[in-house]
Amino acid sequence: MKRVGIRMDALAQIIEDLNKNEELRNIFGEPVAGRLLVIAEFADGDVDLRIEENGDVGMGDTESRRFVEIIDRVVFTNLNRSQYSSGSN
């Protein structure tokens, strides 16, 4: 199994960027991070981590698509700043 570590400062920056995003603030209110969850699933020997909304806010199809686009952009921007490390078990 391959392990990937995400530095805590990168996670803090992701949270800060999500909280600053005006579109997400319009959907979830403030702070945005208070309405989001990090979900971990273990399947087929792999752990999958993702960010989801906690279900308090009903989102339509358009809002759901924008949510995914924004989350992906924020996460990948922060991880591409070389603030993660990888190793193996």
Protein backbone atom coordinates (compact mmCIF):
# COMPACT_ATOMS: atom_id res chain seq x y z
CA MET A 1 0.00 0.00 0.00
CA LYS A 2 1.31 3.45 -0.83
CA ARG A 3 1.07 6.07 1.89
CA VAL A 4 0.64 9.76 1.25
CA GLY A 5 0.98 12.31 4.02
CA ILE A 6 -0.52 15.78 3.84
CA ARG A 7 1.21 18.33 6.02
CA MET A 8 -0.97 19.97 8.65
CA ASP A 9 -0.05 23.44 7.39
CA ALA A 10 -1.35 22.43 3.94
CA LEU A 11 -4.61 21.27 5.55
CA ALA A 12 -4.84 24.56 7.44
CA GLN A 13 -4.35 26.47 4.17
CA ILE A 14 -7.04 24.37 2.45
CA ILE A 15 -9.47 25.20 5.27
CA GLU A 16 -8.56 28.90 5.09
CA ASP A 17 -9.04 28.98 1.31
CA LEU A 18 -12.42 27.23 1.56
CA ASN A 19 -13.56 29.66 4.27
CA LYS A 20 -12.52 32.62 2.08
CA ASN A 21 -14.37 31.41 -1.04
CA GLU A 22 -17.35 33.68 -1.61
CA GLU A 23 -19.35 31.12 -3.60
CA LEU A 24 -19.01 28.57 -0.81
CA ARG A 25 -19.88 31.21 1.81
CA ASN A 26 -23.07 31.95 -0.14
CA ILE A 27 -23.99 28.26 -0.11
CA PHE A 28 -22.92 27.26 3.41
CA GLY A 29 -22.62 30.44 5.44
CA GLU A 30 -19.61 31.20 7.60
CA PRO A 31 -17.39 29.50 8.45
CA VAL A 32 -17.61 27.21 5.43
CA ALA A 33 -15.44 24.57 7.12
CA GLY A 34 -18.08 24.17 9.81
CA ARG A 35 -20.36 22.59 7.20
CA LEU A 36 -17.75 20.30 5.63
CA LEU A 37 -16.44 16.87 6.60
CA VAL A 38 -13.34 14.89 5.69
CA ILE A 39 -14.61 11.40 4.88
CA ALA A 40 -12.28 8.40 5.07
CA GLU A 41 -13.32 5.10 3.50
CA PHE A 42 -11.38 1.85 3.48
CA ALA A 43 -12.11 -0.40 0.52
CA ASP A 44 -10.08 -2.98 -1.38
CA GLY A 45 -7.01 -2.26 0.71
CA ASP A 46 -7.02 1.47 -0.04
CA VAL A 47 -8.04 4.46 2.02
CA ASP A 48 -9.96 7.14 0.16
CA LEU A 49 -10.15 10.63 1.69
CA ARG A 50 -12.49 13.27 0.38
CA ILE A 51 -14.26 16.45 1.46
CA GLU A 52 -18.05 16.42 1.53
CA GLU A 53 -20.75 18.73 2.80
CA ASN A 54 -22.41 17.54 6.01
CA GLY A 55 -25.94 17.45 4.63
CA ASP A 56 -27.27 20.51 6.49
CA VAL A 57 -27.65 22.51 3.29
CA GLY A 58 -29.73 21.27 0.40
CA MET A 59 -27.75 21.84 -2.78
CA GLY A 60 -29.13 21.69 -6.30
CA ASP A 61 -27.26 20.14 -9.21
CA THR A 62 -25.58 23.41 -10.18
CA GLU A 63 -24.42 24.11 -6.62
CA SER A 64 -23.17 20.53 -6.24
CA ARG A 65 -21.11 20.77 -9.43
CA ARG A 66 -19.62 24.12 -8.37
CA PHE A 67 -18.87 22.72 -4.91
CA VAL A 68 -16.88 19.85 -6.42
CA GLU A 69 -15.05 22.18 -8.83
CA ILE A 70 -14.08 24.58 -6.04
CA ILE A 71 -13.02 21.81 -3.65
CA ASP A 72 -10.89 20.18 -6.36
CA ARG A 73 -9.25 23.48 -7.31
CA VAL A 74 -8.46 24.45 -3.71
CA VAL A 75 -7.11 21.03 -2.72
CA PHE A 76 -5.00 20.50 -5.84
CA THR A 77 -3.64 24.06 -5.71
CA ASN A 78 -2.46 23.55 -2.15
CA LEU A 79 -1.09 20.05 -2.70
CA ASN A 80 0.75 21.13 -5.84
CA ARG A 81 2.70 23.61 -3.74
CA SER A 82 4.79 20.57 -2.73
CA GLN A 83 3.33 20.53 0.75
CA TYR A 84 2.82 16.80 0.89
CA SER A 85 5.11 13.85 1.17
CA SER A 86 4.82 10.24 0.14
CA GLY A 87 6.28 7.04 1.40
CA SER A 88 5.54 3.35 1.38
CA ASN A 89 4.55 0.80 3.99
